[in-house]
N, C-alpha and C. Protein backbone atom coordinates (compact mmCIF):
# COMPACT_ATOMS: atom_id res chain seq x y z
N MET A 1 4.50 16.11 48.65
CA MET A 1 5.67 15.56 48.01
C MET A 1 6.11 16.54 46.93
N ASP A 2 7.40 16.91 46.91
CA ASP A 2 7.89 17.85 45.91
C ASP A 2 8.37 17.11 44.66
N LEU A 3 8.71 17.85 43.61
CA LEU A 3 9.08 17.28 42.32
C LEU A 3 10.32 16.40 42.41
N SER A 4 11.33 16.82 43.18
CA SER A 4 12.57 16.02 43.27
C SER A 4 12.31 14.67 43.92
N SER A 5 11.48 14.63 44.95
CA SER A 5 11.20 13.34 45.58
C SER A 5 10.31 12.48 44.68
N THR A 6 9.42 13.10 43.91
CA THR A 6 8.59 12.35 42.95
C THR A 6 9.47 11.74 41.87
N LEU A 7 10.41 12.54 41.34
CA LEU A 7 11.32 12.05 40.30
C LEU A 7 12.21 10.93 40.85
N ALA A 8 12.67 11.08 42.07
CA ALA A 8 13.51 10.05 42.67
C ALA A 8 12.71 8.77 42.88
N ALA A 9 11.45 8.90 43.27
CA ALA A 9 10.61 7.72 43.52
C ALA A 9 10.25 7.01 42.22
N THR A 10 10.20 7.74 41.13
CA THR A 10 9.83 7.13 39.84
C THR A 10 11.04 6.96 38.94
N LYS A 11 12.21 6.94 39.51
CA LYS A 11 13.47 6.74 38.78
C LYS A 11 13.65 7.79 37.68
N GLY A 12 13.36 9.03 37.99
CA GLY A 12 13.60 10.11 37.05
C GLY A 12 12.44 10.39 36.12
N ARG A 13 11.39 9.59 36.16
CA ARG A 13 10.24 9.81 35.29
C ARG A 13 9.06 10.28 36.15
N PRO A 14 8.47 11.40 35.79
CA PRO A 14 7.30 11.85 36.55
C PRO A 14 6.13 10.91 36.28
N SER A 15 5.32 10.67 37.30
CA SER A 15 4.16 9.81 37.11
C SER A 15 3.00 10.64 36.57
N MET A 16 2.15 10.00 35.73
CA MET A 16 1.02 10.68 35.13
C MET A 16 -0.22 9.82 35.32
N ASN A 17 -1.36 10.47 35.50
CA ASN A 17 -2.59 9.70 35.57
C ASN A 17 -3.10 9.45 34.15
N SER A 18 -4.15 8.65 34.01
CA SER A 18 -4.63 8.26 32.68
C SER A 18 -5.14 9.45 31.87
N ALA A 19 -5.75 10.43 32.51
CA ALA A 19 -6.23 11.61 31.79
C ALA A 19 -5.06 12.41 31.22
N GLU A 20 -3.98 12.54 32.00
CA GLU A 20 -2.81 13.26 31.52
C GLU A 20 -2.13 12.51 30.37
N ILE A 21 -2.10 11.19 30.46
CA ILE A 21 -1.51 10.39 29.38
C ILE A 21 -2.33 10.53 28.11
N ALA A 22 -3.66 10.49 28.23
CA ALA A 22 -4.53 10.65 27.06
C ALA A 22 -4.34 12.03 26.44
N GLU A 23 -4.23 13.07 27.28
CA GLU A 23 -4.03 14.42 26.77
C GLU A 23 -2.67 14.54 26.07
N LEU A 24 -1.65 13.94 26.64
CA LEU A 24 -0.32 13.96 26.02
C LEU A 24 -0.33 13.23 24.68
N ASN A 25 -0.98 12.05 24.62
CA ASN A 25 -1.08 11.30 23.36
C ASN A 25 -1.80 12.11 22.29
N LYS A 26 -2.88 12.81 22.67
CA LYS A 26 -3.62 13.64 21.72
C LYS A 26 -2.72 14.78 21.23
N PHE A 27 -1.97 15.40 22.13
CA PHE A 27 -1.07 16.48 21.75
C PHE A 27 -0.02 15.98 20.75
N VAL A 28 0.58 14.84 21.02
CA VAL A 28 1.60 14.27 20.14
C VAL A 28 0.99 13.93 18.78
N ARG A 29 -0.20 13.30 18.77
CA ARG A 29 -0.87 12.94 17.52
C ARG A 29 -1.18 14.20 16.70
N ASP A 30 -1.73 15.23 17.34
CA ASP A 30 -2.04 16.48 16.64
C ASP A 30 -0.78 17.15 16.10
N ALA A 31 0.29 17.13 16.88
CA ALA A 31 1.56 17.73 16.42
C ALA A 31 2.11 16.96 15.23
N ASN A 32 2.04 15.66 15.26
CA ASN A 32 2.53 14.86 14.13
C ASN A 32 1.73 15.13 12.87
N ILE A 33 0.42 15.27 13.00
CA ILE A 33 -0.42 15.57 11.84
C ILE A 33 -0.12 16.96 11.30
N GLU A 34 0.11 17.92 12.20
CA GLU A 34 0.41 19.29 11.77
C GLU A 34 1.75 19.36 11.05
N PHE A 35 2.77 18.67 11.55
CA PHE A 35 4.09 18.73 10.94
C PHE A 35 4.21 17.90 9.67
N ASN A 36 3.45 16.82 9.57
CA ASN A 36 3.52 15.96 8.39
C ASN A 36 2.13 15.43 8.07
N PRO A 37 1.27 16.25 7.45
CA PRO A 37 -0.13 15.86 7.25
C PRO A 37 -0.31 14.73 6.24
N LYS A 38 0.64 14.53 5.33
CA LYS A 38 0.50 13.50 4.31
C LYS A 38 0.82 12.11 4.82
N ARG A 39 1.54 12.01 5.90
CA ARG A 39 1.95 10.71 6.43
C ARG A 39 0.77 10.03 7.11
N GLN A 40 0.54 8.78 6.72
CA GLN A 40 -0.53 8.00 7.31
C GLN A 40 0.09 6.87 8.14
N PRO A 41 -0.45 6.60 9.32
CA PRO A 41 0.09 5.50 10.12
C PRO A 41 -0.10 4.17 9.40
N SER A 42 0.85 3.28 9.58
CA SER A 42 0.79 1.98 8.91
C SER A 42 0.79 0.87 9.95
N GLN A 43 0.08 -0.20 9.64
CA GLN A 43 0.00 -1.33 10.56
C GLN A 43 0.99 -2.44 10.17
N SER A 44 1.79 -2.21 9.13
CA SER A 44 2.74 -3.23 8.71
C SER A 44 4.14 -2.64 8.62
N LEU A 45 5.13 -3.50 8.72
CA LEU A 45 6.52 -3.07 8.63
C LEU A 45 7.04 -3.35 7.23
N GLY A 46 7.79 -2.43 6.69
CA GLY A 46 8.40 -2.61 5.38
C GLY A 46 9.89 -2.85 5.52
N LYS A 47 10.56 -2.91 4.37
CA LYS A 47 12.00 -3.20 4.40
C LYS A 47 12.78 -2.07 5.06
N ASP A 48 12.32 -0.81 4.90
CA ASP A 48 13.01 0.32 5.55
C ASP A 48 12.91 0.21 7.07
N ASP A 49 11.74 -0.18 7.55
CA ASP A 49 11.56 -0.35 9.00
C ASP A 49 12.46 -1.46 9.52
N PHE A 50 12.53 -2.55 8.79
CA PHE A 50 13.37 -3.69 9.19
C PHE A 50 14.83 -3.25 9.27
N LEU A 51 15.28 -2.50 8.26
CA LEU A 51 16.67 -2.05 8.23
C LEU A 51 16.97 -1.09 9.38
N LYS A 52 16.02 -0.20 9.70
CA LYS A 52 16.20 0.72 10.83
C LYS A 52 16.33 -0.06 12.15
N ILE A 53 15.51 -1.07 12.32
CA ILE A 53 15.57 -1.88 13.54
C ILE A 53 16.92 -2.59 13.62
N LEU A 54 17.39 -3.15 12.51
CA LEU A 54 18.67 -3.86 12.50
C LEU A 54 19.82 -2.91 12.82
N ILE A 55 19.80 -1.72 12.22
CA ILE A 55 20.87 -0.75 12.47
C ILE A 55 20.85 -0.30 13.93
N THR A 56 19.66 -0.06 14.48
CA THR A 56 19.54 0.33 15.88
C THR A 56 20.06 -0.78 16.78
N GLN A 57 19.73 -2.01 16.45
CA GLN A 57 20.18 -3.16 17.24
C GLN A 57 21.71 -3.24 17.23
N LEU A 58 22.31 -3.06 16.05
CA LEU A 58 23.76 -3.15 15.95
C LEU A 58 24.45 -1.98 16.67
N SER A 59 23.85 -0.79 16.62
CA SER A 59 24.50 0.36 17.25
C SER A 59 24.41 0.32 18.78
N TYR A 60 23.43 -0.39 19.33
CA TYR A 60 23.28 -0.44 20.79
C TYR A 60 23.73 -1.77 21.40
N GLN A 61 24.31 -2.64 20.59
CA GLN A 61 24.71 -3.93 21.17
C GLN A 61 25.96 -3.76 22.04
N ASP A 62 26.09 -4.63 22.95
CA ASP A 62 27.22 -4.63 23.88
C ASP A 62 28.47 -5.12 23.15
N PRO A 63 29.54 -4.30 23.07
CA PRO A 63 30.75 -4.73 22.35
C PRO A 63 31.42 -5.95 22.99
N THR A 64 31.19 -6.16 24.28
CA THR A 64 31.80 -7.33 24.93
C THR A 64 31.01 -8.61 24.66
N ALA A 65 29.77 -8.48 24.17
CA ALA A 65 28.95 -9.65 23.84
C ALA A 65 28.23 -9.38 22.52
N PRO A 66 28.98 -9.38 21.42
CA PRO A 66 28.36 -9.06 20.13
C PRO A 66 27.34 -10.15 19.72
N MET A 67 26.49 -9.76 18.77
CA MET A 67 25.49 -10.68 18.25
C MET A 67 26.19 -11.87 17.60
N GLU A 68 25.62 -13.03 17.77
CA GLU A 68 26.21 -14.23 17.17
C GLU A 68 26.09 -14.16 15.65
N ASP A 69 27.07 -14.76 14.95
CA ASP A 69 27.07 -14.76 13.49
C ASP A 69 25.80 -15.36 12.93
N LYS A 70 25.31 -16.43 13.54
CA LYS A 70 24.11 -17.11 13.03
C LYS A 70 22.90 -16.18 13.09
N GLN A 71 22.76 -15.43 14.18
CA GLN A 71 21.64 -14.50 14.30
C GLN A 71 21.73 -13.41 13.25
N PHE A 72 22.93 -12.87 13.05
CA PHE A 72 23.11 -11.79 12.09
C PHE A 72 22.81 -12.28 10.68
N ILE A 73 23.31 -13.45 10.33
CA ILE A 73 23.07 -14.02 9.00
C ILE A 73 21.58 -14.29 8.80
N ALA A 74 20.91 -14.79 9.82
CA ALA A 74 19.47 -15.05 9.72
C ALA A 74 18.70 -13.76 9.50
N GLN A 75 19.08 -12.69 10.22
CA GLN A 75 18.39 -11.42 10.04
C GLN A 75 18.64 -10.83 8.66
N MET A 76 19.85 -10.96 8.15
CA MET A 76 20.15 -10.46 6.81
C MET A 76 19.39 -11.26 5.75
N ALA A 77 19.24 -12.56 5.97
CA ALA A 77 18.46 -13.39 5.04
C ALA A 77 17.00 -12.97 5.07
N GLN A 78 16.47 -12.66 6.24
CA GLN A 78 15.09 -12.19 6.34
C GLN A 78 14.92 -10.86 5.61
N PHE A 79 15.90 -9.98 5.74
CA PHE A 79 15.84 -8.70 5.05
C PHE A 79 15.86 -8.91 3.54
N SER A 80 16.73 -9.79 3.08
CA SER A 80 16.82 -10.08 1.65
C SER A 80 15.51 -10.66 1.12
N THR A 81 14.92 -11.57 1.88
CA THR A 81 13.65 -12.16 1.48
C THR A 81 12.54 -11.11 1.43
N LEU A 82 12.51 -10.24 2.41
CA LEU A 82 11.51 -9.16 2.45
C LEU A 82 11.66 -8.25 1.23
N GLU A 83 12.89 -7.91 0.90
CA GLU A 83 13.13 -7.04 -0.25
C GLU A 83 12.69 -7.70 -1.55
N GLN A 84 12.97 -9.00 -1.70
CA GLN A 84 12.56 -9.72 -2.90
C GLN A 84 11.03 -9.82 -2.99
N MET A 85 10.37 -10.05 -1.86
CA MET A 85 8.91 -10.13 -1.87
C MET A 85 8.29 -8.78 -2.24
N THR A 86 8.86 -7.70 -1.75
CA THR A 86 8.37 -6.37 -2.07
C THR A 86 8.54 -6.10 -3.57
N SER A 87 9.67 -6.50 -4.10
CA SER A 87 9.92 -6.33 -5.53
C SER A 87 8.93 -7.16 -6.36
N MET A 88 8.68 -8.40 -5.92
CA MET A 88 7.73 -9.25 -6.64
C MET A 88 6.32 -8.67 -6.61
N ALA A 89 5.92 -8.10 -5.49
CA ALA A 89 4.59 -7.50 -5.39
C ALA A 89 4.45 -6.35 -6.39
N GLY A 90 5.49 -5.55 -6.53
CA GLY A 90 5.47 -4.47 -7.51
C GLY A 90 5.40 -5.00 -8.93
N ASP A 91 6.15 -6.08 -9.19
CA ASP A 91 6.11 -6.69 -10.52
C ASP A 91 4.74 -7.27 -10.84
N PHE A 92 4.10 -7.91 -9.85
CA PHE A 92 2.76 -8.46 -10.06
C PHE A 92 1.76 -7.35 -10.34
N SER A 93 1.92 -6.22 -9.67
CA SER A 93 1.03 -5.08 -9.91
C SER A 93 1.18 -4.58 -11.35
N LYS A 94 2.41 -4.49 -11.83
CA LYS A 94 2.66 -4.07 -13.21
C LYS A 94 2.07 -5.08 -14.19
N LEU A 95 2.24 -6.37 -13.90
CA LEU A 95 1.71 -7.42 -14.77
C LEU A 95 0.19 -7.35 -14.84
N THR A 96 -0.45 -7.14 -13.71
CA THR A 96 -1.91 -7.02 -13.67
C THR A 96 -2.37 -5.85 -14.52
N SER A 97 -1.67 -4.72 -14.42
CA SER A 97 -2.01 -3.55 -15.21
C SER A 97 -1.86 -3.83 -16.70
N MET A 98 -0.79 -4.52 -17.07
CA MET A 98 -0.57 -4.86 -18.48
C MET A 98 -1.65 -5.80 -19.00
N LEU A 99 -2.03 -6.79 -18.20
CA LEU A 99 -3.07 -7.73 -18.62
C LEU A 99 -4.42 -7.04 -18.79
N MET A 100 -4.73 -6.13 -17.87
CA MET A 100 -5.99 -5.39 -17.99
C MET A 100 -5.99 -4.54 -19.26
N GLY A 101 -4.86 -3.90 -19.56
CA GLY A 101 -4.75 -3.09 -20.77
C GLY A 101 -4.88 -3.94 -22.02
N SER A 102 -4.28 -5.12 -22.01
CA SER A 102 -4.37 -6.03 -23.15
C SER A 102 -5.79 -6.52 -23.34
N GLU A 103 -6.43 -6.85 -22.23
CA GLU A 103 -7.81 -7.33 -22.28
C GLU A 103 -8.73 -6.24 -22.84
N ALA A 104 -8.53 -5.00 -22.38
CA ALA A 104 -9.35 -3.89 -22.87
C ALA A 104 -9.09 -3.65 -24.36
N SER A 105 -7.84 -3.74 -24.79
CA SER A 105 -7.50 -3.53 -26.19
C SER A 105 -8.13 -4.59 -27.09
N SER A 106 -8.25 -5.80 -26.58
CA SER A 106 -8.85 -6.87 -27.39
C SER A 106 -10.34 -6.65 -27.62
N ALA A 107 -10.96 -5.75 -26.87
CA ALA A 107 -12.38 -5.46 -27.04
C ALA A 107 -12.63 -4.36 -28.07
N LEU A 108 -11.57 -3.79 -28.61
CA LEU A 108 -11.70 -2.70 -29.59
C LEU A 108 -12.53 -3.16 -30.78
N GLY A 109 -13.58 -2.42 -31.09
CA GLY A 109 -14.45 -2.74 -32.22
C GLY A 109 -15.54 -3.75 -31.90
N LYS A 110 -15.59 -4.24 -30.68
CA LYS A 110 -16.59 -5.24 -30.30
C LYS A 110 -17.71 -4.59 -29.49
N SER A 111 -18.85 -5.25 -29.49
CA SER A 111 -19.99 -4.78 -28.70
C SER A 111 -19.79 -5.17 -27.25
N VAL A 112 -20.18 -4.27 -26.35
CA VAL A 112 -20.00 -4.52 -24.92
C VAL A 112 -21.25 -4.09 -24.15
N ASP A 113 -21.40 -4.67 -22.96
CA ASP A 113 -22.39 -4.22 -21.99
C ASP A 113 -21.61 -3.62 -20.83
N ILE A 114 -22.03 -2.45 -20.38
CA ILE A 114 -21.35 -1.73 -19.29
C ILE A 114 -22.36 -1.43 -18.20
N VAL A 115 -21.96 -1.66 -16.95
CA VAL A 115 -22.81 -1.31 -15.81
C VAL A 115 -22.45 0.10 -15.38
N GLU A 116 -23.48 0.96 -15.34
CA GLU A 116 -23.28 2.33 -14.87
C GLU A 116 -24.36 2.61 -13.83
N GLY A 117 -23.97 2.47 -12.56
CA GLY A 117 -24.94 2.63 -11.47
C GLY A 117 -25.99 1.54 -11.52
N GLU A 118 -27.24 1.92 -11.68
CA GLU A 118 -28.35 0.97 -11.73
C GLU A 118 -28.69 0.54 -13.15
N SER A 119 -28.10 1.21 -14.16
CA SER A 119 -28.46 0.91 -15.55
C SER A 119 -27.31 0.26 -16.31
N ASN A 120 -27.66 -0.31 -17.46
CA ASN A 120 -26.67 -0.91 -18.35
C ASN A 120 -26.57 -0.07 -19.62
N VAL A 121 -25.35 0.03 -20.14
CA VAL A 121 -25.10 0.74 -21.38
C VAL A 121 -24.59 -0.28 -22.38
N GLN A 122 -25.12 -0.24 -23.61
CA GLN A 122 -24.65 -1.12 -24.68
C GLN A 122 -24.07 -0.27 -25.79
N GLY A 123 -23.02 -0.79 -26.41
CA GLY A 123 -22.42 -0.06 -27.51
C GLY A 123 -21.17 -0.77 -28.00
N THR A 124 -20.50 -0.14 -28.94
CA THR A 124 -19.28 -0.69 -29.53
C THR A 124 -18.08 0.09 -29.01
N VAL A 125 -17.03 -0.62 -28.65
CA VAL A 125 -15.81 0.02 -28.14
C VAL A 125 -15.13 0.71 -29.32
N GLN A 126 -15.00 2.05 -29.21
CA GLN A 126 -14.42 2.85 -30.29
C GLN A 126 -12.96 3.19 -30.04
N ALA A 127 -12.53 3.21 -28.76
CA ALA A 127 -11.15 3.54 -28.41
C ALA A 127 -10.84 2.97 -27.03
N VAL A 128 -9.55 2.78 -26.76
CA VAL A 128 -9.10 2.24 -25.47
C VAL A 128 -7.93 3.08 -24.99
N THR A 129 -7.94 3.47 -23.70
CA THR A 129 -6.80 4.18 -23.12
C THR A 129 -5.93 3.20 -22.36
N ARG A 130 -4.68 3.55 -22.22
CA ARG A 130 -3.74 2.72 -21.46
C ARG A 130 -3.58 3.30 -20.07
N GLY A 131 -2.89 2.58 -19.21
CA GLY A 131 -2.63 3.08 -17.87
C GLY A 131 -3.00 2.05 -16.83
N VAL A 132 -2.92 2.47 -15.57
CA VAL A 132 -3.22 1.58 -14.46
C VAL A 132 -4.67 1.12 -14.53
N THR A 133 -5.57 2.04 -14.88
CA THR A 133 -6.99 1.70 -15.04
C THR A 133 -7.38 2.02 -16.47
N PRO A 134 -7.36 1.02 -17.36
CA PRO A 134 -7.73 1.28 -18.76
C PRO A 134 -9.19 1.72 -18.86
N GLN A 135 -9.47 2.53 -19.85
CA GLN A 135 -10.83 2.99 -20.11
C GLN A 135 -11.19 2.70 -21.56
N VAL A 136 -12.49 2.48 -21.80
CA VAL A 136 -12.99 2.24 -23.15
C VAL A 136 -13.97 3.34 -23.52
N LEU A 137 -13.91 3.75 -24.79
CA LEU A 137 -14.82 4.76 -25.32
C LEU A 137 -15.99 4.07 -25.96
N VAL A 138 -17.18 4.25 -25.39
CA VAL A 138 -18.41 3.64 -25.90
C VAL A 138 -19.46 4.73 -25.98
N ASN A 139 -20.08 4.86 -27.15
CA ASN A 139 -21.14 5.86 -27.38
C ASN A 139 -20.67 7.27 -27.02
N GLY A 140 -19.41 7.58 -27.32
CA GLY A 140 -18.88 8.92 -27.09
C GLY A 140 -18.49 9.24 -25.66
N ARG A 141 -18.46 8.22 -24.78
CA ARG A 141 -18.12 8.45 -23.38
C ARG A 141 -17.13 7.38 -22.91
N PHE A 142 -16.16 7.78 -22.04
CA PHE A 142 -15.19 6.83 -21.51
C PHE A 142 -15.73 6.17 -20.25
N TYR A 143 -15.52 4.86 -20.15
CA TYR A 143 -15.90 4.06 -18.98
C TYR A 143 -14.68 3.26 -18.54
N ASP A 144 -14.54 3.04 -17.22
CA ASP A 144 -13.47 2.18 -16.71
C ASP A 144 -13.69 0.76 -17.21
N TRP A 145 -12.59 0.08 -17.50
CA TRP A 145 -12.67 -1.30 -17.98
C TRP A 145 -13.37 -2.19 -16.96
N ASP A 146 -13.26 -1.87 -15.68
CA ASP A 146 -13.91 -2.66 -14.63
C ASP A 146 -15.43 -2.64 -14.74
N GLN A 147 -15.99 -1.63 -15.42
CA GLN A 147 -17.43 -1.53 -15.56
C GLN A 147 -17.98 -2.42 -16.67
N VAL A 148 -17.11 -2.92 -17.55
CA VAL A 148 -17.55 -3.79 -18.65
C VAL A 148 -17.88 -5.16 -18.08
N ILE A 149 -19.12 -5.62 -18.35
CA ILE A 149 -19.52 -6.92 -17.82
C ILE A 149 -19.58 -8.00 -18.90
N ARG A 150 -19.77 -7.59 -20.18
CA ARG A 150 -19.80 -8.56 -21.28
C ARG A 150 -19.13 -7.97 -22.51
N VAL A 151 -18.46 -8.84 -23.26
CA VAL A 151 -17.90 -8.47 -24.55
C VAL A 151 -18.42 -9.48 -25.55
N TYR A 152 -19.01 -8.98 -26.66
CA TYR A 152 -19.61 -9.86 -27.67
C TYR A 152 -18.70 -9.92 -28.89
N ALA A 153 -18.60 -11.11 -29.47
CA ALA A 153 -17.83 -11.29 -30.70
C ALA A 153 -18.54 -10.57 -31.84
N ASN A 154 -17.77 -10.08 -32.79
CA ASN A 154 -18.36 -9.44 -33.97
C ASN A 154 -19.06 -10.50 -34.79
N GLN A 155 -20.08 -10.08 -35.59
CA GLN A 155 -20.82 -11.03 -36.41
C GLN A 155 -19.92 -11.64 -37.48
N GLU A 156 -18.92 -10.86 -37.98
CA GLU A 156 -18.00 -11.39 -39.00
C GLU A 156 -17.17 -12.54 -38.43
N GLU A 157 -16.80 -12.43 -37.14
CA GLU A 157 -15.96 -13.46 -36.51
C GLU A 157 -16.72 -14.75 -36.28
N THR A 158 -18.02 -14.66 -35.98
CA THR A 158 -18.80 -15.86 -35.68
C THR A 158 -19.50 -16.42 -36.89
N GLY A 159 -19.57 -15.65 -37.98
CA GLY A 159 -20.22 -16.12 -39.19
C GLY A 159 -21.74 -16.02 -39.11
N LEU A 160 -22.27 -15.25 -38.17
CA LEU A 160 -23.73 -15.09 -38.03
C LEU A 160 -24.25 -14.02 -38.94
C-alpha cells in the first residue's frame, strides 16, 4: 500500500502504531521543554485558559446558528466568578502573610522555643523581619517563624 492510498484510507491522516505515537509524544515533550524550560504543566484551568476557550468557541461558531444568549451570559458569569475567586485567593494569601508578620512582631522581646531539626533552641526574640516568611532573631541567628513552637510571656507582664 502506498502513501496516497494510506492517506485516503485514513482521511488524510497517516496511521501510527503505539511505539511511533510514544516516540512522537516524547519528541514533542522534549521540544517543549527545550523551547520553554521554565513552563511547568498544570492540572488546573485558570481564568486565561477559560477566556481562550471562550474566544476559540466564538471564533469557530456557525454564523447561521449562533450561541444562544443564555449560554453566552452563563459562560460570562462563570468567567466573572472565576476571576473574583482568583482575586480573593490572592487577597487571602496577603492577609495570611500580614497575620504571620504581626504574630512574629508580637513575640519581640519574649522568650521562645524553636525547633531546629532534632533539637530545641531557647532564647529571646531580638529582632523580626517582614515578608512572606517572617523570621525572628534569637541568640544571634535568624529562624523562620514557622519553627517557633512556644512563646512565653515576660515576667514583668505576668507579675512573676
